[in-house]
Amino acid sequence: MSNRTFAFLIAMALLTLVPSQKHLMAGKDSSLIQRPLNLPSIRSGDSCTISVGSRATVPNQQHIFASALPWFGAGPVYLALAWKAITDDDNAAFSLKPVPISDGARRAKTPWVSVPSFSGPIVIRGRALDDSGRKLRFSKSGEGPSDSLQLQAPQAPSLGLWSFWPTSMWVPGPGCYGVQIDTPTGTDIVIFSAT
């Protein structure tokens, strides 16, 4: 047997023993979705302590819409509330009145980004923080709503740009809501108010 044939057989044997990258990512997604939803709770009548965003977080890049809005989160993943009226404040609060109703909930455009250096799975879930526990639902373009949004970074037109996902968040009605963003590097929580 030649050295070249032997090397080929060894390489093929290793490929059968090493799980594919897709399989490895599925395992990471599975572990992220199994993390407990660890959102605060509020009692009826309590105020909603909402997150404050920043307009300086996300650079103006052609493939990212809503870059002028405040972006919320501690990173590496951030969200914008695209239905938030352009105002001087950067609070995570918006009116549901202009948001279209679909399947019994308000379907709010919700863009997501991640920093160029982040690579890996992202799992997003959320619910109302009051006793009702109403779930937020999420959808990517062309998909129906589900209880979690699973993204994979990078998602950018070229190396060195921020990843970007245009999605929808289905808000069941007015209230105080928490969104939990899980990545392999940690968990981040954004709290918003919808009126």
Protein backbone atom coordinates (compact mmCIF):
# COMPACT_ATOMS: atom_id res chain seq x y z
CA MET A 1 0.00 0.00 0.00
CA SER A 2 1.39 3.40 -0.96
CA ASN A 3 1.84 6.25 1.53
CA ARG A 4 -0.76 8.28 -0.37
CA THR A 5 -3.37 5.49 -0.09
CA PHE A 6 -2.56 4.99 3.59
CA ALA A 7 -2.95 8.73 4.29
CA PHE A 8 -6.30 8.75 2.45
CA LEU A 9 -7.60 5.80 4.50
CA ILE A 10 -6.52 7.47 7.77
CA ALA A 11 -8.24 10.72 6.74
CA MET A 12 -11.47 8.86 5.90
CA ALA A 13 -11.38 7.00 9.22
CA LEU A 14 -10.96 10.28 11.12
CA LEU A 15 -13.90 11.84 9.26
CA THR A 16 -16.18 9.05 10.41
CA LEU A 17 -15.06 9.50 14.02
CA VAL A 18 -15.29 13.31 14.18
CA PRO A 19 -18.83 14.75 14.24
CA SER A 20 -19.70 17.25 11.56
CA GLN A 21 -19.65 20.98 12.28
CA LYS A 22 -23.44 21.06 11.79
CA HIS A 23 -23.83 18.31 14.39
CA LEU A 24 -21.58 20.17 16.81
CA MET A 25 -23.61 23.36 16.37
CA ALA A 26 -26.85 21.47 16.93
CA GLY A 27 -25.44 20.21 20.23
CA LYS A 28 -24.57 23.76 21.29
CA ASP A 29 -28.03 25.00 20.28
CA SER A 30 -29.55 22.20 22.32
CA SER A 31 -27.56 23.13 25.40
CA LEU A 32 -28.48 26.81 25.00
CA ILE A 33 -32.20 26.09 24.67
CA GLN A 34 -32.01 23.95 27.79
CA ARG A 35 -30.73 26.85 29.88
CA PRO A 36 -33.45 27.97 32.27
CA LEU A 37 -35.37 31.10 31.37
CA ASN A 38 -34.15 33.31 34.20
CA LEU A 39 -36.21 36.49 33.85
CA PRO A 40 -37.29 38.71 36.76
CA SER A 41 -40.92 38.78 37.89
CA ILE A 42 -43.07 41.75 38.76
CA ARG A 43 -46.37 41.98 40.62
CA SER A 44 -49.43 43.59 39.13
CA GLY A 45 -49.13 47.35 39.51
CA ASP A 46 -45.32 47.33 39.86
CA SER A 47 -43.38 49.55 37.49
CA CYS A 48 -41.45 48.05 34.59
CA THR A 49 -37.73 48.76 34.96
CA ILE A 50 -36.88 48.92 31.27
CA SER A 51 -33.51 48.66 29.59
CA VAL A 52 -31.73 51.68 28.19
CA GLY A 53 -30.10 51.36 24.79
CA SER A 54 -27.42 53.21 22.90
CA ARG A 55 -27.38 54.72 19.42
CA ALA A 56 -23.57 54.49 19.38
CA THR A 57 -23.37 50.69 19.78
CA VAL A 58 -23.99 49.57 16.20
CA PRO A 59 -22.10 51.23 13.34
CA ASN A 60 -23.90 52.40 10.24
CA GLN A 61 -23.41 49.53 7.79
CA GLN A 62 -25.39 49.23 4.56
CA HIS A 63 -26.84 45.77 5.31
CA ILE A 64 -28.23 46.80 8.74
CA PHE A 65 -31.52 48.65 8.77
CA ALA A 66 -32.55 50.69 11.84
CA SER A 67 -28.95 51.51 12.74
CA ALA A 68 -30.13 55.00 13.86
CA LEU A 69 -32.32 53.46 16.59
CA PRO A 70 -31.06 52.62 20.07
CA TRP A 71 -29.73 49.08 20.37
CA PHE A 72 -30.29 47.08 23.56
CA GLY A 73 -28.16 44.48 25.28
CA ALA A 74 -24.69 44.08 26.74
CA GLY A 75 -23.33 42.14 23.76
CA PRO A 76 -22.14 40.32 21.84
CA VAL A 77 -25.76 40.28 20.53
CA TYR A 78 -28.03 43.34 20.41
CA LEU A 79 -31.62 44.05 19.40
CA ALA A 80 -33.46 47.14 18.22
CA LEU A 81 -37.16 47.82 18.63
CA ALA A 82 -37.95 48.92 15.07
CA TRP A 83 -41.47 50.07 16.00
CA LYS A 84 -40.14 52.44 18.64
CA ALA A 85 -40.95 56.02 17.67
CA ILE A 86 -37.88 58.11 16.94
CA THR A 87 -37.56 60.17 20.09
CA ASP A 88 -34.78 61.70 22.11
CA ASP A 89 -34.85 58.94 24.71
CA ASP A 90 -33.17 55.57 24.39
CA ASN A 91 -35.57 53.66 26.67
CA ALA A 92 -36.91 50.25 25.68
CA ALA A 93 -40.54 51.30 25.43
CA PHE A 94 -42.84 51.50 22.44
CA SER A 95 -46.52 51.75 21.52
CA LEU A 96 -48.24 48.73 20.03
CA LYS A 97 -50.82 50.87 18.19
CA PRO A 98 -48.93 51.05 14.85
CA VAL A 99 -47.76 47.41 15.05
CA PRO A 100 -49.83 45.10 12.81
CA ILE A 101 -51.84 42.25 14.32
CA SER A 102 -51.14 38.76 13.01
CA ASP A 103 -52.26 35.43 14.53
CA GLY A 104 -53.67 37.15 17.62
CA ALA A 105 -50.53 39.11 18.54
CA ARG A 106 -48.68 42.25 17.46
CA ARG A 107 -45.93 41.32 15.01
CA ALA A 108 -43.14 43.82 15.70
CA LYS A 109 -40.10 44.07 13.45
CA THR A 110 -37.08 43.26 15.58
CA PRO A 111 -33.63 43.44 14.01
CA TRP A 112 -30.73 41.64 15.72
CA VAL A 113 -27.00 42.12 15.29
CA SER A 114 -23.82 40.63 16.70
CA VAL A 115 -20.29 41.96 16.79
CA PRO A 116 -17.96 40.79 13.99
CA SER A 117 -15.78 38.83 16.43
CA PHE A 118 -18.67 36.66 17.65
CA SER A 119 -19.18 33.28 16.02
CA GLY A 120 -21.61 30.68 17.28
CA PRO A 121 -25.22 29.88 18.11
CA ILE A 122 -27.68 32.34 19.65
CA VAL A 123 -30.96 31.41 21.34
CA ILE A 124 -33.56 34.09 22.13
CA ARG A 125 -36.67 33.60 24.28
CA GLY A 126 -38.96 35.83 26.29
CA ARG A 127 -42.17 36.34 28.22
CA ALA A 128 -44.26 38.84 30.14
CA LEU A 129 -42.78 39.51 33.56
CA ASP A 130 -46.15 39.61 35.36
CA ASP A 131 -48.13 36.62 36.66
CA SER A 132 -49.64 35.97 33.22
CA GLY A 133 -46.30 34.69 31.88
CA ARG A 134 -47.52 35.33 28.30
CA LYS A 135 -44.81 34.16 25.92
CA LEU A 136 -43.14 36.25 23.29
CA ARG A 137 -42.85 34.43 19.98
CA PHE A 138 -40.27 35.02 17.29
CA SER A 139 -39.89 34.39 13.57
CA LYS A 140 -37.31 34.74 10.84
CA SER A 141 -38.32 35.70 7.33
CA GLY A 142 -40.41 32.98 5.72
CA GLU A 143 -40.98 31.05 8.96
CA GLY A 144 -43.90 30.91 11.34
CA PRO A 145 -43.64 32.09 14.95
CA SER A 146 -42.08 29.90 17.63
CA ASP A 147 -41.24 30.20 21.34
CA SER A 148 -37.54 30.65 20.58
CA LEU A 149 -35.42 32.26 17.92
CA GLN A 150 -32.25 30.39 17.00
CA LEU A 151 -29.59 32.25 15.04
CA GLN A 152 -26.09 31.37 13.92
CA ALA A 153 -23.26 33.92 13.61
CA PRO A 154 -21.61 35.04 11.48
CA GLN A 155 -24.41 36.31 9.23
CA ALA A 156 -22.79 39.17 7.31
CA PRO A 157 -22.12 39.95 3.63
CA SER A 158 -18.35 39.95 4.18
CA LEU A 159 -15.67 39.36 6.79
CA GLY A 160 -15.30 42.10 9.40
CA LEU A 161 -18.91 43.33 9.21
CA TRP A 162 -21.54 42.95 11.91
CA SER A 163 -23.93 40.00 11.62
CA PHE A 164 -27.54 41.03 10.98
CA TRP A 165 -30.91 39.27 11.13
CA PRO A 166 -34.24 40.94 10.28
CA THR A 167 -36.85 39.12 12.38
CA SER A 168 -40.23 39.61 14.00
CA MET A 169 -41.22 39.42 17.65
CA TRP A 170 -44.84 38.57 18.35
CA VAL A 171 -46.04 40.58 21.37
CA PRO A 172 -49.35 39.30 22.85
CA GLY A 173 -50.45 42.72 24.18
CA PRO A 174 -49.46 45.62 26.43
CA GLY A 175 -47.15 44.79 29.31
CA CYS A 176 -43.65 44.51 30.67
CA TYR A 177 -41.56 41.85 28.90
CA GLY A 178 -38.15 40.26 29.28
CA VAL A 179 -36.02 38.86 26.47
CA GLN A 180 -33.25 36.41 27.33
CA ILE A 181 -30.35 36.15 24.88
CA ASP A 182 -28.21 33.05 25.33
CA THR A 183 -24.84 32.48 23.66
CA PRO A 184 -21.99 30.11 24.54
CA THR A 185 -20.29 33.08 26.24
CA GLY A 186 -23.19 33.90 28.57
CA THR A 187 -26.73 35.19 29.06
CA ASP A 188 -28.04 38.72 28.58
CA ILE A 189 -31.48 40.11 29.48
CA VAL A 190 -33.32 43.05 27.91
CA ILE A 191 -36.55 44.36 29.47
CA PHE A 192 -39.02 46.43 27.46
CA SER A 193 -42.45 47.94 27.92
CA ALA A 194 -45.17 47.75 25.27
CA THR A 195 -48.20 50.03 25.70
